[in-house]
Amino acid sequence: MKIFVDENIPLATVKELVLQGHDVVDIRGTDDQGITDEKLWQKTQELRCLLITTDKGFAAHREDPHHGILIIRLKQPSRQKIHQRVFQALKRHTPEQWPGLMVVMRDAVQSSWKAHYKK
């Protein structure tokens, strides 16, 4: 699966995603590091990627056409907790389910929304 990770996702998570065979785009250390959320969103959509982030602002795009949004929202986030919640979400949803799906992983619960595109 093609995945775009926001800068706030741990490097260990990025490495594990790659080890599992995912095509991962990580902008850390590139000219795009620090771009605005809107430019990041545009780039994610151009590349047709699932976006993994801790930034709740991307929830505003849940009804827009997209290739999947995974938001990790924890009260006391740590690299280990973020890592665990990312892989819990990826185990629950197949690559075919992600387009149009937004999942918010919290400490104890998961919320999911499937976009209903306007025609």
C-alpha atoms as a PDB file:
ATOM      1  CA  MET A   1       0.000   0.000   0.000  1.00  0.00           C
ATOM      2  CA  LYS A   2       1.209   3.526  -0.707  1.00  0.00           C
ATOM      3  CA  ILE A   3       1.452   5.518   2.541  1.00  0.00           C
ATOM      4  CA  PHE A   4       2.384   9.131   3.259  1.00  0.00           C
ATOM      5  CA  VAL A   5       3.533   9.688   6.849  1.00  0.00           C
ATOM      6  CA  ASP A   6       3.376  13.110   8.438  1.00  0.00           C
ATOM      7  CA  GLU A   7       6.490  14.345  10.263  1.00  0.00           C
ATOM      8  CA  ASN A   8       4.978  13.439  13.641  1.00  0.00           C
ATOM      9  CA  ILE A   9       4.960   9.678  12.980  1.00  0.00           C
ATOM     10  CA  PRO A  10       7.926   7.889  14.617  1.00  0.00           C
ATOM     11  CA  LEU A  11      10.811   6.753  12.430  1.00  0.00           C
ATOM     12  CA  ALA A  12      10.509   3.244  13.897  1.00  0.00           C
ATOM     13  CA  THR A  13       6.961   3.138  12.512  1.00  0.00           C
ATOM     14  CA  VAL A  14       8.184   4.255   9.087  1.00  0.00           C
ATOM     15  CA  LYS A  15      10.882   1.565   9.101  1.00  0.00           C
ATOM     16  CA  GLU A  16       8.383  -1.137  10.102  1.00  0.00           C
ATOM     17  CA  LEU A  17       5.954  -0.045   7.377  1.00  0.00           C
ATOM     18  CA  VAL A  18       8.744  -0.383   4.807  1.00  0.00           C
ATOM     19  CA  LEU A  19       9.752  -3.795   6.216  1.00  0.00           C
ATOM     20  CA  GLN A  20       6.145  -4.914   5.782  1.00  0.00           C
ATOM     21  CA  GLY A  21       6.345  -4.034   2.085  1.00  0.00           C
ATOM     22  CA  HIS A  22       4.540  -0.701   2.027  1.00  0.00           C
ATOM     23  CA  ASP A  23       5.632   2.102  -0.308  1.00  0.00           C
ATOM     24  CA  VAL A  24       6.222   4.874   2.238  1.00  0.00           C
ATOM     25  CA  VAL A  25       6.690   8.584   1.548  1.00  0.00           C
ATOM     26  CA  ASP A  26       8.351  10.405   4.472  1.00  0.00           C
ATOM     27  CA  ILE A  27       9.128  14.093   3.938  1.00  0.00           C
ATOM     28  CA  ARG A  28      11.549  14.384   6.858  1.00  0.00           C
ATOM     29  CA  GLY A  29      14.911  15.564   5.609  1.00  0.00           C
ATOM     30  CA  THR A  30      13.536  16.687   2.237  1.00  0.00           C
ATOM     31  CA  ASP A  31      12.816  20.149   0.825  1.00  0.00           C
ATOM     32  CA  ASP A  32       9.137  19.528   1.648  1.00  0.00           C
ATOM     33  CA  GLN A  33       9.729  19.165   5.391  1.00  0.00           C
ATOM     34  CA  GLY A  34       7.644  21.782   7.204  1.00  0.00           C
ATOM     35  CA  ILE A  35       5.223  22.463   4.331  1.00  0.00           C
ATOM     36  CA  THR A  36       1.741  23.651   5.232  1.00  0.00           C
ATOM     37  CA  ASP A  37      -0.990  21.149   5.967  1.00  0.00           C
ATOM     38  CA  GLU A  38      -2.798  22.151   2.776  1.00  0.00           C
ATOM     39  CA  LYS A  39       0.295  21.506   0.634  1.00  0.00           C
ATOM     40  CA  LEU A  40       0.871  18.228   2.470  1.00  0.00           C
ATOM     41  CA  TRP A  41      -2.742  17.229   1.744  1.00  0.00           C
ATOM     42  CA  GLN A  42      -2.355  18.113  -1.939  1.00  0.00           C
ATOM     43  CA  LYS A  43       0.859  16.118  -2.179  1.00  0.00           C
ATOM     44  CA  THR A  44      -0.753  13.127  -0.470  1.00  0.00           C
ATOM     45  CA  GLN A  45      -3.637  13.190  -2.944  1.00  0.00           C
ATOM     46  CA  GLU A  46      -1.386  13.659  -5.985  1.00  0.00           C
ATOM     47  CA  LEU A  47       0.597  10.590  -4.921  1.00  0.00           C
ATOM     48  CA  ARG A  48      -2.621   8.653  -4.134  1.00  0.00           C
ATOM     49  CA  CYS A  49      -1.483   7.739  -0.613  1.00  0.00           C
ATOM     50  CA  LEU A  50      -3.063   6.830   2.686  1.00  0.00           C
ATOM     51  CA  LEU A  51      -2.146   9.689   5.046  1.00  0.00           C
ATOM     52  CA  ILE A  52      -0.977   8.778   8.555  1.00  0.00           C
ATOM     53  CA  THR A  53      -0.784  11.711  10.974  1.00  0.00           C
ATOM     54  CA  THR A  54      -1.439  12.909  14.519  1.00  0.00           C
ATOM     55  CA  ASP A  55      -2.878  16.193  13.226  1.00  0.00           C
ATOM     56  CA  LYS A  56      -6.644  16.266  13.819  1.00  0.00           C
ATOM     57  CA  GLY A  57      -7.010  19.112  11.316  1.00  0.00           C
ATOM     58  CA  PHE A  58      -7.004  16.586   8.476  1.00  0.00           C
ATOM     59  CA  ALA A  59     -10.410  15.365   9.688  1.00  0.00           C
ATOM     60  CA  ALA A  60     -11.811  18.349   7.783  1.00  0.00           C
ATOM     61  CA  HIS A  61     -11.101  16.382   4.582  1.00  0.00           C
ATOM     62  CA  ARG A  62     -13.132  13.319   5.549  1.00  0.00           C
ATOM     63  CA  GLU A  63     -15.868  14.037   2.978  1.00  0.00           C
ATOM     64  CA  ASP A  64     -13.403  14.984   0.228  1.00  0.00           C
ATOM     65  CA  PRO A  65     -12.286  12.307  -2.215  1.00  0.00           C
ATOM     66  CA  HIS A  66      -9.138  10.773  -0.698  1.00  0.00           C
ATOM     67  CA  HIS A  67      -7.090   7.589  -0.458  1.00  0.00           C
ATOM     68  CA  GLY A  68      -7.461   7.167   3.296  1.00  0.00           C
ATOM     69  CA  ILE A  69      -6.742   9.168   6.427  1.00  0.00           C
ATOM     70  CA  LEU A  70      -5.444   7.648   9.658  1.00  0.00           C
ATOM     71  CA  ILE A  71      -5.280  10.075  12.584  1.00  0.00           C
ATOM     72  CA  ILE A  72      -3.690   9.009  15.865  1.00  0.00           C
ATOM     73  CA  ARG A  73      -5.110  11.092  18.758  1.00  0.00           C
ATOM     74  CA  LEU A  74      -3.745  10.090  22.173  1.00  0.00           C
ATOM     75  CA  LYS A  75      -3.963  11.949  25.494  1.00  0.00           C
ATOM     76  CA  GLN A  76      -0.317  11.255  26.314  1.00  0.00           C
ATOM     77  CA  PRO A  77       1.299  10.228  23.038  1.00  0.00           C
ATOM     78  CA  SER A  78       4.620   8.440  22.949  1.00  0.00           C
ATOM     79  CA  ARG A  79       6.468   6.939  20.001  1.00  0.00           C
ATOM     80  CA  GLN A  80       5.556   3.447  21.205  1.00  0.00           C
ATOM     81  CA  LYS A  81       1.838   4.237  21.640  1.00  0.00           C
ATOM     82  CA  ILE A  82       1.624   5.928  18.232  1.00  0.00           C
ATOM     83  CA  HIS A  83       3.404   2.950  16.657  1.00  0.00           C
ATOM     84  CA  GLN A  84       1.004   0.452  18.253  1.00  0.00           C
ATOM     85  CA  ARG A  85      -2.123   2.348  17.231  1.00  0.00           C
ATOM     86  CA  VAL A  86      -0.926   2.723  13.617  1.00  0.00           C
ATOM     87  CA  PHE A  87      -0.489  -1.013  13.245  1.00  0.00           C
ATOM     88  CA  GLN A  88      -3.752  -1.797  15.019  1.00  0.00           C
ATOM     89  CA  ALA A  89      -5.576   0.336  12.447  1.00  0.00           C
ATOM     90  CA  LEU A  90      -3.714  -1.196   9.510  1.00  0.00           C
ATOM     91  CA  LYS A  91      -4.595  -4.708  10.718  1.00  0.00           C
ATOM     92  CA  ARG A  92      -8.303  -3.817  10.937  1.00  0.00           C
ATOM     93  CA  HIS A  93      -8.650  -2.437   7.420  1.00  0.00           C
ATOM     94  CA  THR A  94      -7.494  -3.923   4.133  1.00  0.00           C
ATOM     95  CA  PRO A  95      -5.803  -1.765   1.485  1.00  0.00           C
ATOM     96  CA  GLU A  96      -9.017  -1.914  -0.557  1.00  0.00           C
ATOM     97  CA  GLN A  97     -11.028  -0.432   2.333  1.00  0.00           C
ATOM     98  CA  TRP A  98      -8.891   2.685   2.845  1.00  0.00           C
ATOM     99  CA  PRO A  99      -9.971   4.872  -0.103  1.00  0.00           C
ATOM    100  CA  GLY A 100     -12.579   7.278   1.307  1.00  0.00           C
ATOM    101  CA  LEU A 101     -12.086   5.929   4.854  1.00  0.00           C
ATOM    102  CA  MET A 102     -10.966   8.079   7.775  1.00  0.00           C
ATOM    103  CA  VAL A 103      -9.997   6.337  11.001  1.00  0.00           C
ATOM    104  CA  VAL A 104      -9.232   8.114  14.273  1.00  0.00           C
ATOM    105  CA  MET A 105      -7.394   5.934  16.774  1.00  0.00           C
ATOM    106  CA  ARG A 106      -7.688   7.179  20.345  1.00  0.00           C
ATOM    107  CA  ASP A 107      -6.373   5.669  23.565  1.00  0.00           C
ATOM    108  CA  ALA A 108      -9.138   3.107  23.961  1.00  0.00           C
ATOM    109  CA  VAL A 109     -11.453   3.481  20.969  1.00  0.00           C
ATOM    110  CA  GLN A 110     -11.449   3.758  17.209  1.00  0.00           C
ATOM    111  CA  SER A 111     -13.792   5.927  15.158  1.00  0.00           C
ATOM    112  CA  SER A 112     -14.317   5.415  11.436  1.00  0.00           C
ATOM    113  CA  TRP A 113     -16.015   7.476   8.735  1.00  0.00           C
ATOM    114  CA  LYS A 114     -16.573   6.476   5.151  1.00  0.00           C
ATOM    115  CA  ALA A 115     -16.895   9.423   2.785  1.00  0.00           C
ATOM    116  CA  HIS A 116     -20.116   9.846   0.833  1.00  0.00           C
ATOM    117  CA  TYR A 117     -19.004  11.889  -2.142  1.00  0.00           C
ATOM    118  CA  LYS A 118     -21.310  14.484  -3.596  1.00  0.00           C
ATOM    119  CA  LYS A 119     -22.179  13.832  -7.204  1.00  0.00           C
END
